[in-house]
Amino acid sequence: PRRPERAPSCSASSSQPEFALDVSAIAMLPLTAGARIAMEMPGHFVLHVSAGLLPVALMDGINDVGTGWSLWNETDAQVARTMLGDATWFEVGLGIRPWGTPGLEISAGYSLLWTHRPSTLETMAPSAIALAGSADASEVGIDVTIDAIHAELAWQSELLDGVSRRMALGWSHAVRHSVQIVSESRDERVISALRERSASLARELGSRAFGPTLSLALGVHLD
């Protein structure tokens, strides 16, 4: 007697869900920490949103290493801390996992970093102290904004059932940046000195607002 024919088996790729979600905590060197949400869609396209902070404690650790190895001086470290400490970071982007999950991921996105912090003339523009007309004029506010493009080559994997890990090498490059120091002083000499200092800091920031990134995300994978 003839044996009944077996029904064709489904391929592994057809059994994969059309949508999957990763919710992770992420740390990205040199300085950011936060959370990442990524949705894998049909075609293995991945839409991701990330947000977080540049923690002052992490910046202090980086600065301790940098000044200890004479990579930069104490003044540069203090200015960087004042400008970017606890700054907010946000990123949205699109990528693709050509062979699904687990596997390689190629992504690119838009990043925004911004902060508004109080500071003093002594820290931000020492030359303006002698020009300040009152003690109140020593208080200033600093606004920093950086718009950047961030590209990554990553590997998405599952450590355990429902536990995901993503490791990535990338490059971040600022396309626009600005630094503004605002004072309540009405003295034109103070305002001019702060304007010059803002321009100087913006040039310094522009010379450093690009470079490689290394990130690690750990979280849950939901089919």
N, C-alpha and C. Protein backbone atom coordinates (compact mmCIF):
# COMPACT_ATOMS: atom_id res chain seq x y z
N PRO A 1 0.83 -1.20 0.00
CA PRO A 1 0.00 0.00 0.00
C PRO A 1 0.86 1.25 0.00
N ARG A 2 0.37 2.29 -0.71
CA ARG A 2 1.12 3.55 -0.79
C ARG A 2 1.05 4.28 0.54
N ARG A 3 2.21 4.80 0.91
CA ARG A 3 2.24 5.62 2.13
C ARG A 3 1.70 7.00 1.83
N PRO A 4 0.95 7.56 2.73
CA PRO A 4 0.39 8.90 2.47
C PRO A 4 1.51 9.93 2.36
N GLU A 5 1.30 10.86 1.40
CA GLU A 5 2.30 11.90 1.20
C GLU A 5 2.29 12.87 2.38
N ARG A 6 3.50 13.32 2.78
CA ARG A 6 3.63 14.27 3.88
C ARG A 6 3.43 15.68 3.37
N ALA A 7 2.78 16.45 4.16
CA ALA A 7 2.58 17.86 3.80
C ALA A 7 3.92 18.58 3.85
N PRO A 8 4.14 19.50 2.92
CA PRO A 8 5.42 20.24 2.93
C PRO A 8 5.57 21.02 4.22
N SER A 9 6.80 21.00 4.75
CA SER A 9 7.07 21.72 6.01
C SER A 9 7.32 23.19 5.74
N CYS A 10 6.96 24.00 6.69
CA CYS A 10 7.19 25.43 6.57
C CYS A 10 8.66 25.72 6.84
N SER A 11 9.20 26.65 6.12
CA SER A 11 10.59 27.05 6.36
C SER A 11 10.69 27.82 7.65
N ALA A 12 11.92 27.87 8.17
CA ALA A 12 12.14 28.58 9.42
C ALA A 12 11.79 30.04 9.30
N SER A 13 12.07 30.64 8.12
CA SER A 13 11.81 32.07 7.97
C SER A 13 10.32 32.36 7.96
N SER A 14 9.50 31.45 7.38
CA SER A 14 8.06 31.71 7.33
C SER A 14 7.41 31.56 8.69
N SER A 15 8.09 30.85 9.62
CA SER A 15 7.50 30.66 10.94
C SER A 15 7.83 31.81 11.87
N GLN A 16 8.72 32.68 11.44
CA GLN A 16 9.07 33.80 12.28
C GLN A 16 7.93 34.80 12.31
N PRO A 17 7.68 35.44 13.45
CA PRO A 17 6.61 36.42 13.53
C PRO A 17 6.93 37.64 12.68
N GLU A 18 5.87 38.31 12.20
CA GLU A 18 6.08 39.49 11.37
C GLU A 18 6.57 40.67 12.19
N PHE A 19 6.21 40.70 13.48
CA PHE A 19 6.62 41.80 14.34
C PHE A 19 7.30 41.24 15.59
N ALA A 20 8.31 41.95 16.05
CA ALA A 20 8.97 41.62 17.32
C ALA A 20 9.42 42.92 17.96
N LEU A 21 9.54 42.89 19.27
CA LEU A 21 9.87 44.10 20.01
C LEU A 21 11.00 43.81 20.98
N ASP A 22 11.98 44.73 21.01
CA ASP A 22 13.08 44.67 21.98
C ASP A 22 13.01 45.91 22.86
N VAL A 23 12.99 45.70 24.17
CA VAL A 23 13.03 46.81 25.14
C VAL A 23 14.27 46.59 25.99
N SER A 24 15.21 47.54 25.92
CA SER A 24 16.52 47.31 26.52
C SER A 24 17.03 48.53 27.26
N ALA A 25 17.92 48.26 28.21
CA ALA A 25 18.76 49.30 28.79
C ALA A 25 20.02 49.36 27.95
N ILE A 26 20.52 50.59 27.70
CA ILE A 26 21.65 50.74 26.79
C ILE A 26 22.70 51.65 27.41
N ALA A 27 23.95 51.28 27.23
CA ALA A 27 25.09 52.12 27.59
C ALA A 27 25.94 52.28 26.34
N MET A 28 26.24 53.53 26.01
CA MET A 28 27.00 53.80 24.79
C MET A 28 28.18 54.70 25.12
N LEU A 29 29.36 54.19 24.88
CA LEU A 29 30.56 55.00 25.06
C LEU A 29 30.69 55.96 23.88
N PRO A 30 31.14 57.24 24.11
CA PRO A 30 31.89 57.54 25.31
C PRO A 30 31.10 57.89 26.56
N LEU A 31 29.82 58.39 26.47
CA LEU A 31 29.28 58.96 27.70
C LEU A 31 27.80 58.71 27.99
N THR A 32 27.05 58.05 27.16
CA THR A 32 25.60 58.04 27.33
C THR A 32 25.07 56.75 27.94
N ALA A 33 23.94 56.87 28.62
CA ALA A 33 23.24 55.73 29.21
C ALA A 33 21.75 56.01 29.16
N GLY A 34 20.95 54.97 28.88
CA GLY A 34 19.51 55.19 28.78
C GLY A 34 18.76 53.93 28.43
N ALA A 35 17.72 54.08 27.60
CA ALA A 35 16.86 52.96 27.21
C ALA A 35 16.66 52.97 25.70
N ARG A 36 16.39 51.78 25.16
CA ARG A 36 16.21 51.62 23.71
C ARG A 36 15.00 50.73 23.45
N ILE A 37 14.14 51.16 22.53
CA ILE A 37 13.01 50.35 22.08
C ILE A 37 13.16 50.15 20.58
N ALA A 38 13.13 48.90 20.13
CA ALA A 38 13.28 48.58 18.71
C ALA A 38 12.16 47.65 18.28
N MET A 39 11.51 47.98 17.17
CA MET A 39 10.46 47.13 16.62
C MET A 39 10.91 46.56 15.29
N GLU A 40 10.95 45.23 15.22
CA GLU A 40 11.27 44.56 13.96
C GLU A 40 9.98 44.34 13.19
N MET A 41 9.96 44.77 11.92
CA MET A 41 8.76 44.74 11.10
C MET A 41 8.94 43.78 9.92
N PRO A 42 7.90 43.54 9.14
CA PRO A 42 8.05 42.66 7.97
C PRO A 42 9.19 43.13 7.07
N GLY A 43 9.93 42.16 6.56
CA GLY A 43 11.11 42.49 5.78
C GLY A 43 12.34 42.66 6.63
N HIS A 44 12.18 42.44 7.95
CA HIS A 44 13.28 42.57 8.91
C HIS A 44 13.79 44.00 9.04
N PHE A 45 12.95 44.97 8.68
CA PHE A 45 13.29 46.37 8.96
C PHE A 45 13.08 46.63 10.45
N VAL A 46 13.92 47.50 11.01
CA VAL A 46 13.89 47.77 12.44
C VAL A 46 13.78 49.28 12.68
N LEU A 47 12.71 49.67 13.34
CA LEU A 47 12.55 51.06 13.76
C LEU A 47 12.96 51.16 15.23
N HIS A 48 13.87 52.07 15.56
CA HIS A 48 14.32 52.16 16.94
C HIS A 48 14.25 53.59 17.46
N VAL A 49 13.99 53.68 18.76
CA VAL A 49 13.97 54.95 19.48
C VAL A 49 14.77 54.76 20.76
N SER A 50 15.69 55.69 21.02
CA SER A 50 16.52 55.62 22.23
C SER A 50 16.51 56.98 22.93
N ALA A 51 16.65 56.96 24.23
CA ALA A 51 16.72 58.20 25.00
C ALA A 51 17.50 57.95 26.28
N GLY A 52 18.13 59.01 26.78
CA GLY A 52 18.90 58.85 28.01
C GLY A 52 19.59 60.13 28.42
N LEU A 53 20.65 59.98 29.21
CA LEU A 53 21.38 61.10 29.77
C LEU A 53 22.88 60.91 29.57
N LEU A 54 23.63 62.00 29.74
CA LEU A 54 25.07 61.95 29.88
C LEU A 54 25.35 62.16 31.37
N PRO A 55 25.37 61.10 32.17
CA PRO A 55 25.46 61.26 33.62
C PRO A 55 26.75 61.95 34.06
N VAL A 56 26.61 62.89 34.98
CA VAL A 56 27.79 63.59 35.50
C VAL A 56 28.78 62.61 36.12
N ALA A 57 28.27 61.59 36.82
CA ALA A 57 29.17 60.62 37.47
C ALA A 57 30.03 59.91 36.43
N LEU A 58 29.43 59.57 35.27
CA LEU A 58 30.19 58.91 34.21
C LEU A 58 31.20 59.87 33.61
N MET A 59 30.79 61.14 33.42
CA MET A 59 31.72 62.14 32.89
C MET A 59 32.90 62.34 33.82
N ASP A 60 32.63 62.35 35.13
CA ASP A 60 33.71 62.52 36.10
C ASP A 60 34.72 61.37 36.00
N GLY A 61 34.21 60.15 35.82
CA GLY A 61 35.10 59.01 35.67
C GLY A 61 35.96 59.11 34.42
N ILE A 62 35.33 59.49 33.29
CA ILE A 62 36.07 59.67 32.05
C ILE A 62 37.11 60.77 32.20
N ASN A 63 36.71 61.88 32.85
CA ASN A 63 37.64 63.00 33.04
C ASN A 63 38.81 62.62 33.93
N ASP A 64 38.56 61.81 34.96
CA ASP A 64 39.65 61.37 35.83
C ASP A 64 40.70 60.58 35.04
N VAL A 65 40.21 59.73 34.14
CA VAL A 65 41.14 58.96 33.31
C VAL A 65 41.86 59.88 32.33
N GLY A 66 41.10 60.77 31.68
CA GLY A 66 41.69 61.66 30.68
C GLY A 66 42.72 62.61 31.24
N THR A 67 42.41 63.22 32.39
CA THR A 67 43.39 64.13 33.00
C THR A 67 44.56 63.36 33.61
N GLY A 68 44.29 62.17 34.13
CA GLY A 68 45.36 61.36 34.69
C GLY A 68 46.38 60.93 33.64
N TRP A 69 45.91 60.71 32.41
CA TRP A 69 46.81 60.33 31.31
C TRP A 69 47.23 61.53 30.48
N SER A 70 46.89 62.74 30.96
CA SER A 70 47.27 64.00 30.28
C SER A 70 46.69 64.09 28.87
N LEU A 71 45.51 63.49 28.66
CA LEU A 71 44.84 63.61 27.37
C LEU A 71 44.18 64.97 27.24
N TRP A 72 43.75 65.57 28.34
CA TRP A 72 43.25 66.93 28.39
C TRP A 72 43.47 67.46 29.80
N ASN A 73 43.37 68.80 29.95
CA ASN A 73 43.69 69.40 31.24
C ASN A 73 42.44 69.57 32.10
N GLU A 74 42.65 70.01 33.33
CA GLU A 74 41.55 70.15 34.29
C GLU A 74 40.52 71.18 33.81
N THR A 75 40.99 72.27 33.19
CA THR A 75 40.07 73.30 32.70
C THR A 75 39.15 72.75 31.63
N ASP A 76 39.71 71.99 30.66
CA ASP A 76 38.89 71.38 29.61
C ASP A 76 37.87 70.42 30.22
N ALA A 77 38.31 69.65 31.21
CA ALA A 77 37.41 68.69 31.86
C ALA A 77 36.26 69.40 32.56
N GLN A 78 36.58 70.51 33.24
CA GLN A 78 35.55 71.26 33.95
C GLN A 78 34.56 71.89 32.99
N VAL A 79 35.07 72.44 31.88
CA VAL A 79 34.18 73.05 30.89
C VAL A 79 33.27 72.00 30.26
N ALA A 80 33.82 70.82 29.92
CA ALA A 80 33.02 69.75 29.34
C ALA A 80 31.94 69.29 30.32
N ARG A 81 32.30 69.19 31.59
CA ARG A 81 31.34 68.79 32.62
C ARG A 81 30.22 69.82 32.74
N THR A 82 30.61 71.09 32.72
CA THR A 82 29.62 72.15 32.84
C THR A 82 28.72 72.21 31.61
N MET A 83 29.28 71.99 30.44
CA MET A 83 28.51 72.08 29.20
C MET A 83 27.58 70.89 29.00
N LEU A 84 28.05 69.67 29.31
CA LEU A 84 27.34 68.47 28.89
C LEU A 84 26.88 67.57 30.03
N GLY A 85 27.24 67.88 31.28
CA GLY A 85 26.84 67.03 32.38
C GLY A 85 25.33 66.93 32.51
N ASP A 86 24.82 65.69 32.56
CA ASP A 86 23.38 65.41 32.67
C ASP A 86 22.59 65.93 31.48
N ALA A 87 23.25 66.11 30.34
CA ALA A 87 22.53 66.50 29.12
C ALA A 87 21.57 65.38 28.70
N THR A 88 20.50 65.76 28.02
CA THR A 88 19.51 64.80 27.53
C THR A 88 19.87 64.37 26.11
N TRP A 89 19.70 63.07 25.85
CA TRP A 89 20.06 62.50 24.55
C TRP A 89 18.85 61.73 24.00
N PHE A 90 18.60 61.92 22.70
CA PHE A 90 17.47 61.25 22.04
C PHE A 90 17.91 60.82 20.65
N GLU A 91 17.44 59.64 20.24
CA GLU A 91 17.78 59.15 18.89
C GLU A 91 16.61 58.38 18.31
N VAL A 92 16.38 58.56 17.02
CA VAL A 92 15.39 57.77 16.28
C VAL A 92 16.03 57.35 14.97
N GLY A 93 15.78 56.11 14.56
CA GLY A 93 16.43 55.64 13.34
C GLY A 93 15.78 54.40 12.76
N LEU A 94 16.32 53.97 11.63
CA LEU A 94 15.80 52.81 10.91
C LEU A 94 16.96 51.93 10.50
N GLY A 95 16.76 50.63 10.62
CA GLY A 95 17.80 49.68 10.24
C GLY A 95 17.20 48.45 9.60
N ILE A 96 18.05 47.48 9.34
CA ILE A 96 17.60 46.22 8.77
C ILE A 96 18.45 45.08 9.32
N ARG A 97 17.79 43.95 9.60
CA ARG A 97 18.46 42.71 9.97
C ARG A 97 18.28 41.76 8.79
N PRO A 98 19.25 41.71 7.88
CA PRO A 98 19.04 41.00 6.61
C PRO A 98 18.58 39.56 6.76
N TRP A 99 19.05 38.90 7.81
CA TRP A 99 18.72 37.48 8.00
C TRP A 99 17.86 37.27 9.24
N GLY A 100 17.22 38.32 9.70
CA GLY A 100 16.34 38.19 10.84
C GLY A 100 17.09 38.20 12.17
N THR A 101 16.37 37.81 13.21
CA THR A 101 16.93 37.81 14.57
C THR A 101 17.06 36.38 15.06
N PRO A 102 18.19 35.97 15.60
CA PRO A 102 19.42 36.74 15.83
C PRO A 102 20.18 36.97 14.54
N GLY A 103 21.02 38.00 14.56
CA GLY A 103 21.82 38.26 13.37
C GLY A 103 22.32 39.68 13.28
N LEU A 104 22.90 39.96 12.12
CA LEU A 104 23.49 41.26 11.84
C LEU A 104 22.42 42.33 11.71
N GLU A 105 22.75 43.54 12.20
CA GLU A 105 21.85 44.69 12.03
C GLU A 105 22.65 45.88 11.56
N ILE A 106 22.15 46.54 10.52
CA ILE A 106 22.75 47.77 10.00
C ILE A 106 21.73 48.88 10.21
N SER A 107 22.13 49.97 10.86
CA SER A 107 21.16 51.01 11.16
C SER A 107 21.78 52.39 11.05
N ALA A 108 20.91 53.37 10.86
CA ALA A 108 21.33 54.77 10.84
C ALA A 108 20.20 55.59 11.45
N GLY A 109 20.57 56.69 12.12
CA GLY A 109 19.54 57.48 12.77
C GLY A 109 19.97 58.91 13.03
N TYR A 110 19.03 59.68 13.50
CA TYR A 110 19.25 61.08 13.86
C TYR A 110 19.32 61.17 15.38
N SER A 111 20.36 61.83 15.89
CA SER A 111 20.55 62.01 17.32
C SER A 111 20.47 63.48 17.69
N LEU A 112 19.88 63.75 18.83
CA LEU A 112 19.79 65.11 19.36
C LEU A 112 20.26 65.09 20.81
N LEU A 113 21.17 66.00 21.12
CA LEU A 113 21.65 66.16 22.50
C LEU A 113 21.45 67.63 22.87
N TRP A 114 20.83 67.85 24.02
CA TRP A 114 20.63 69.24 24.43
C TRP A 114 20.70 69.35 25.95
N THR A 115 21.05 70.54 26.40
CA THR A 115 21.12 70.80 27.84
C THR A 115 20.98 72.29 28.10
N HIS A 116 20.43 72.60 29.26
CA HIS A 116 20.42 73.96 29.78
C HIS A 116 20.87 73.87 31.22
N ARG A 117 21.99 74.55 31.53
CA ARG A 117 22.57 74.41 32.86
C ARG A 117 22.96 75.78 33.40
N PRO A 118 22.83 75.97 34.72
CA PRO A 118 23.36 77.18 35.34
C PRO A 118 24.87 77.06 35.49
N SER A 119 25.54 78.16 35.42
CA SER A 119 26.99 78.18 35.63
C SER A 119 27.38 79.58 36.11
N THR A 120 28.67 79.88 36.08
CA THR A 120 29.17 81.17 36.55
C THR A 120 30.14 81.74 35.53
N LEU A 121 30.34 83.05 35.61
CA LEU A 121 31.34 83.69 34.75
C LEU A 121 32.72 83.12 35.02
N GLU A 122 33.00 82.80 36.28
CA GLU A 122 34.32 82.29 36.63
C GLU A 122 34.64 81.02 35.89
N THR A 123 33.61 80.16 35.70
CA THR A 123 33.82 78.90 35.00
C THR A 123 33.83 79.07 33.49
N MET A 124 32.85 79.82 32.97
CA MET A 124 32.65 79.89 31.54
C MET A 124 33.44 80.98 30.83
N ALA A 125 33.64 82.12 31.51
CA ALA A 125 34.35 83.23 30.87
C ALA A 125 35.07 84.05 31.93
N PRO A 126 36.19 83.57 32.44
CA PRO A 126 36.89 84.28 33.52
C PRO A 126 37.25 85.72 33.16
N SER A 127 37.50 85.98 31.87
CA SER A 127 37.91 87.32 31.47
C SER A 127 36.80 88.34 31.65
N ALA A 128 35.54 87.87 31.78
CA ALA A 128 34.42 88.79 31.90
C ALA A 128 34.14 89.18 33.35
N ILE A 129 34.80 88.54 34.32
CA ILE A 129 34.52 88.83 35.73
C ILE A 129 34.83 90.29 36.05
N ALA A 130 35.97 90.78 35.57
CA ALA A 130 36.36 92.16 35.87
C ALA A 130 35.40 93.16 35.24
N LEU A 131 34.66 92.72 34.22
CA LEU A 131 33.74 93.63 33.54
C LEU A 131 32.35 93.62 34.16
N ALA A 132 32.05 92.60 34.99
CA ALA A 132 30.70 92.46 35.54
C ALA A 132 30.41 93.61 36.51
N GLY A 133 29.23 94.17 36.38
CA GLY A 133 28.89 95.33 37.20
C GLY A 133 28.32 94.99 38.55
N SER A 134 27.92 93.72 38.78
CA SER A 134 27.32 93.35 40.06
C SER A 134 27.53 91.87 40.30
N ALA A 135 27.27 91.47 41.55
CA ALA A 135 27.44 90.04 41.89
C ALA A 135 26.46 89.18 41.11
N ASP A 136 25.24 89.71 40.83
CA ASP A 136 24.24 88.94 40.10
C ASP A 136 24.72 88.58 38.70
N ALA A 137 25.59 89.43 38.15
CA ALA A 137 26.05 89.20 36.78
C ALA A 137 26.95 87.99 36.67
N SER A 138 27.45 87.48 37.82
CA SER A 138 28.33 86.32 37.76
C SER A 138 27.56 85.04 37.46
N GLU A 139 26.23 85.06 37.62
CA GLU A 139 25.41 83.89 37.31
C GLU A 139 25.05 83.90 35.83
N VAL A 140 25.28 82.78 35.16
CA VAL A 140 24.96 82.67 33.74
C VAL A 140 24.24 81.34 33.50
N GLY A 141 23.62 81.23 32.34
CA GLY A 141 23.03 79.97 31.90
C GLY A 141 23.68 79.55 30.60
N ILE A 142 23.87 78.27 30.42
CA ILE A 142 24.49 77.78 29.20
C ILE A 142 23.56 76.80 28.50
N ASP A 143 23.35 77.02 27.20
CA ASP A 143 22.52 76.16 26.37
C ASP A 143 23.39 75.52 25.30
N VAL A 144 23.33 74.18 25.22
CA VAL A 144 24.11 73.44 24.23
C VAL A 144 23.16 72.53 23.45
N THR A 145 23.28 72.56 22.13
CA THR A 145 22.48 71.68 21.27
C THR A 145 23.39 71.05 20.22
N ILE A 146 23.27 69.74 20.05
CA ILE A 146 24.03 69.03 19.03
C ILE A 146 23.07 68.15 18.23
N ASP A 147 23.05 68.33 16.91
CA ASP A 147 22.30 67.45 16.00
C ASP A 147 23.32 66.59 15.27
N ALA A 148 23.11 65.27 15.26
CA ALA A 148 24.11 64.38 14.67
C ALA A 148 23.45 63.23 13.92
N ILE A 149 24.22 62.66 13.00
CA ILE A 149 23.86 61.42 12.31
C ILE A 149 24.67 60.29 12.95
N HIS A 150 23.99 59.19 13.27
CA HIS A 150 24.65 58.08 13.95
C HIS A 150 24.40 56.78 13.18
N ALA A 151 25.45 56.15 12.71
CA ALA A 151 25.35 54.88 11.98
C ALA A 151 26.00 53.77 12.80
N GLU A 152 25.42 52.56 12.73
CA GLU A 152 25.94 51.44 13.52
C GLU A 152 25.92 50.13 12.74
N LEU A 153 26.88 49.28 13.07
CA LEU A 153 26.91 47.90 12.63
C LEU A 153 26.82 47.06 13.90
N ALA A 154 25.72 46.29 14.03
CA ALA A 154 25.43 45.63 15.30
C ALA A 154 25.16 44.14 15.11
N TRP A 155 25.20 43.44 16.24
CA TRP A 155 24.81 42.03 16.26
C TRP A 155 23.75 41.86 17.34
N GLN A 156 22.57 41.43 16.94
CA GLN A 156 21.45 41.21 17.84
C GLN A 156 21.35 39.71 18.12
N SER A 157 21.33 39.33 19.39
CA SER A 157 21.26 37.92 19.73
C SER A 157 20.37 37.71 20.94
N GLU A 158 20.03 36.46 21.19
CA GLU A 158 19.24 36.10 22.36
C GLU A 158 20.12 35.27 23.29
N LEU A 159 20.34 35.80 24.50
CA LEU A 159 21.14 35.05 25.49
C LEU A 159 20.35 33.87 26.03
N LEU A 160 19.10 34.14 26.39
CA LEU A 160 18.17 33.13 26.89
C LEU A 160 16.83 33.37 26.22
N ASP A 161 15.89 32.49 26.46
CA ASP A 161 14.57 32.68 25.89
C ASP A 161 13.96 33.98 26.40
N GLY A 162 13.75 34.92 25.49
CA GLY A 162 13.15 36.19 25.86
C GLY A 162 14.11 37.24 26.36
N VAL A 163 15.42 36.93 26.40
CA VAL A 163 16.43 37.89 26.85
C VAL A 163 17.33 38.22 25.67
N SER A 164 17.41 39.49 25.30
CA SER A 164 18.16 39.89 24.13
C SER A 164 19.40 40.69 24.51
N ARG A 165 20.39 40.63 23.62
CA ARG A 165 21.60 41.42 23.77
C ARG A 165 21.98 42.00 22.41
N ARG A 166 22.39 43.26 22.43
CA ARG A 166 22.80 43.92 21.19
C ARG A 166 24.13 44.62 21.42
N MET A 167 25.13 44.28 20.60
CA MET A 167 26.44 44.92 20.67
C MET A 167 26.67 45.62 19.35
N ALA A 168 27.19 46.86 19.40
CA ALA A 168 27.31 47.64 18.18
C ALA A 168 28.54 48.53 18.17
N LEU A 169 29.13 48.64 16.99
CA LEU A 169 30.16 49.63 16.71
C LEU A 169 29.55 50.67 15.78
N GLY A 170 29.85 51.94 16.02
CA GLY A 170 29.23 52.96 15.20
C GLY A 170 30.10 54.19 15.03
N TRP A 171 29.51 55.16 14.36
CA TRP A 171 30.16 56.45 14.14
C TRP A 171 29.10 57.53 14.26
N SER A 172 29.37 58.54 15.07
CA SER A 172 28.46 59.66 15.25
C SER A 172 29.13 60.92 14.71
N HIS A 173 28.38 61.70 13.94
CA HIS A 173 28.95 62.90 13.32
C HIS A 173 27.96 64.05 13.42
N ALA A 174 28.36 65.12 14.08
CA ALA A 174 27.48 66.27 14.24
C ALA A 174 27.29 66.99 12.91
N VAL A 175 26.05 67.33 12.60
CA VAL A 175 25.75 68.12 11.41
C VAL A 175 25.41 69.56 11.78
N ARG A 176 25.12 69.79 13.06
CA ARG A 176 24.87 71.14 13.54
C ARG A 176 25.10 71.17 15.04
N HIS A 177 25.64 72.26 15.55
CA HIS A 177 25.84 72.39 16.99
C HIS A 177 25.84 73.87 17.35
N SER A 178 25.44 74.15 18.58
CA SER A 178 25.44 75.54 19.03
C SER A 178 25.70 75.59 20.53
N VAL A 179 26.34 76.68 20.96
CA VAL A 179 26.60 76.96 22.37
C VAL A 179 26.23 78.42 22.62
N GLN A 180 25.40 78.65 23.62
CA GLN A 180 25.03 80.01 23.98
C GLN A 180 25.16 80.19 25.48
N ILE A 181 25.84 81.26 25.90
CA ILE A 181 25.96 81.62 27.31
C ILE A 181 25.15 82.89 27.52
N VAL A 182 24.20 82.81 28.42
CA VAL A 182 23.26 83.92 28.64
C VAL A 182 23.46 84.47 30.05
N SER A 183 23.58 85.79 30.14
CA SER A 183 23.77 86.45 31.42
C SER A 183 22.70 87.53 31.59
N GLU A 184 22.38 87.83 32.86
CA GLU A 184 21.44 88.91 33.14
C GLU A 184 22.10 90.28 33.09
N SER A 185 23.41 90.30 32.95
CA SER A 185 24.12 91.57 32.88
C SER A 185 23.70 92.35 31.64
N ARG A 186 23.58 93.65 31.80
CA ARG A 186 23.26 94.53 30.68
C ARG A 186 24.49 95.28 30.18
N ASP A 187 25.62 94.96 30.77
CA ASP A 187 26.87 95.60 30.36
C ASP A 187 27.28 95.04 29.00
N GLU A 188 27.40 95.92 28.01
CA GLU A 188 27.73 95.48 26.66
C GLU A 188 29.09 94.79 26.61
N ARG A 189 30.01 95.20 27.50
CA ARG A 189 31.32 94.56 27.51
C ARG A 189 31.22 93.11 27.98
N VAL A 190 30.37 92.86 28.98
CA VAL A 190 30.16 91.49 29.46
C VAL A 190 29.47 90.67 28.38
N ILE A 191 28.45 91.25 27.77
CA ILE A 191 27.72 90.54 26.71
C ILE A 191 28.65 90.18 25.56
N SER A 192 29.54 91.12 25.19
CA SER A 192 30.49 90.86 24.11
C SER A 192 31.47 89.76 24.49
N ALA A 193 31.96 89.79 25.75
CA ALA A 193 32.90 88.76 26.21
C ALA A 193 32.24 87.38 26.20
N LEU A 194 30.98 87.32 26.62
CA LEU A 194 30.26 86.04 26.63
C LEU A 194 29.99 85.56 25.21
N ARG A 195 29.72 86.49 24.30
CA ARG A 195 29.50 86.11 22.91
C ARG A 195 30.77 85.49 22.31
N GLU A 196 31.91 86.10 22.63
CA GLU A 196 33.18 85.56 22.13
C GLU A 196 33.46 84.19 22.74
N ARG A 197 33.16 84.04 24.03
CA ARG A 197 33.40 82.75 24.68
C ARG A 197 32.47 81.68 24.12
N SER A 198 31.22 82.04 23.84
CA SER A 198 30.27 81.10 23.24
C SER A 198 30.79 80.61 21.89
N ALA A 199 31.30 81.55 21.07
CA ALA A 199 31.83 81.18 19.76
C ALA A 199 33.04 80.28 19.90
N SER A 200 33.90 80.57 20.90
CA SER A 200 35.09 79.75 21.13
C SER A 200 34.70 78.33 21.54
N LEU A 201 33.75 78.22 22.48
CA LEU A 201 33.30 76.89 22.91
C LEU A 201 32.63 76.14 21.78
N ALA A 202 31.88 76.84 20.92
CA ALA A 202 31.23 76.19 19.78
C ALA A 202 32.27 75.63 18.83
N ARG A 203 33.36 76.37 18.61
CA ARG A 203 34.42 75.86 17.75
C ARG A 203 35.09 74.63 18.36
N GLU A 204 35.34 74.68 19.67
CA GLU A 204 35.94 73.53 20.35
C GLU A 204 35.02 72.32 20.29
N LEU A 205 33.73 72.56 20.51
CA LEU A 205 32.76 71.47 20.46
C LEU A 205 32.70 70.88 19.05
N GLY A 206 32.71 71.75 18.04
CA GLY A 206 32.66 71.28 16.66
C GLY A 206 33.85 70.42 16.28
N SER A 207 35.01 70.71 16.88
CA SER A 207 36.21 69.93 16.57
C SER A 207 36.19 68.55 17.22
N ARG A 208 35.26 68.34 18.18
CA ARG A 208 35.19 67.07 18.89
C ARG A 208 33.84 66.35 18.72
N ALA A 209 32.92 66.96 18.00
CA ALA A 209 31.55 66.42 17.93
C ALA A 209 31.41 65.35 16.86
N PHE A 210 32.35 64.43 16.82
CA PHE A 210 32.26 63.28 15.93
C PHE A 210 33.22 62.22 16.44
N GLY A 211 32.98 60.99 16.07
CA GLY A 211 33.89 59.93 16.49
C GLY A 211 33.20 58.59 16.62
N PRO A 212 33.96 57.56 16.94
CA PRO A 212 33.40 56.21 17.05
C PRO A 212 32.59 56.04 18.32
N THR A 213 31.66 55.10 18.27
CA THR A 213 30.85 54.76 19.43
C THR A 213 30.86 53.24 19.62
N LEU A 214 30.69 52.83 20.86
CA LEU A 214 30.58 51.42 21.23
C LEU A 214 29.40 51.29 22.18
N SER A 215 28.43 50.46 21.83
CA SER A 215 27.24 50.35 22.68
C SER A 215 26.91 48.90 23.00
N LEU A 216 26.27 48.76 24.16
CA LEU A 216 25.78 47.45 24.61
C LEU A 216 24.38 47.65 25.16
N ALA A 217 23.42 46.88 24.63
CA ALA A 217 22.04 46.94 25.11
C ALA A 217 21.63 45.54 25.60
N LEU A 218 20.94 45.52 26.72
CA LEU A 218 20.49 44.26 27.31
C LEU A 218 19.05 44.43 27.75
N GLY A 219 18.18 43.51 27.34
CA GLY A 219 16.77 43.66 27.69
C GLY A 219 15.95 42.44 27.34
N VAL A 220 14.68 42.67 27.02
CA VAL A 220 13.75 41.58 26.72
C VAL A 220 13.36 41.62 25.25
N HIS A 221 13.12 40.43 24.69
CA HIS A 221 12.70 40.28 23.31
C HIS A 221 11.31 39.68 23.30
N LEU A 222 10.36 40.39 22.70
CA LEU A 222 8.96 39.99 22.68
C LEU A 222 8.51 39.71 21.26
N ASP A 223 8.08 38.45 20.98
CA ASP A 223 7.57 38.09 19.65
C ASP A 223 6.09 38.42 19.55
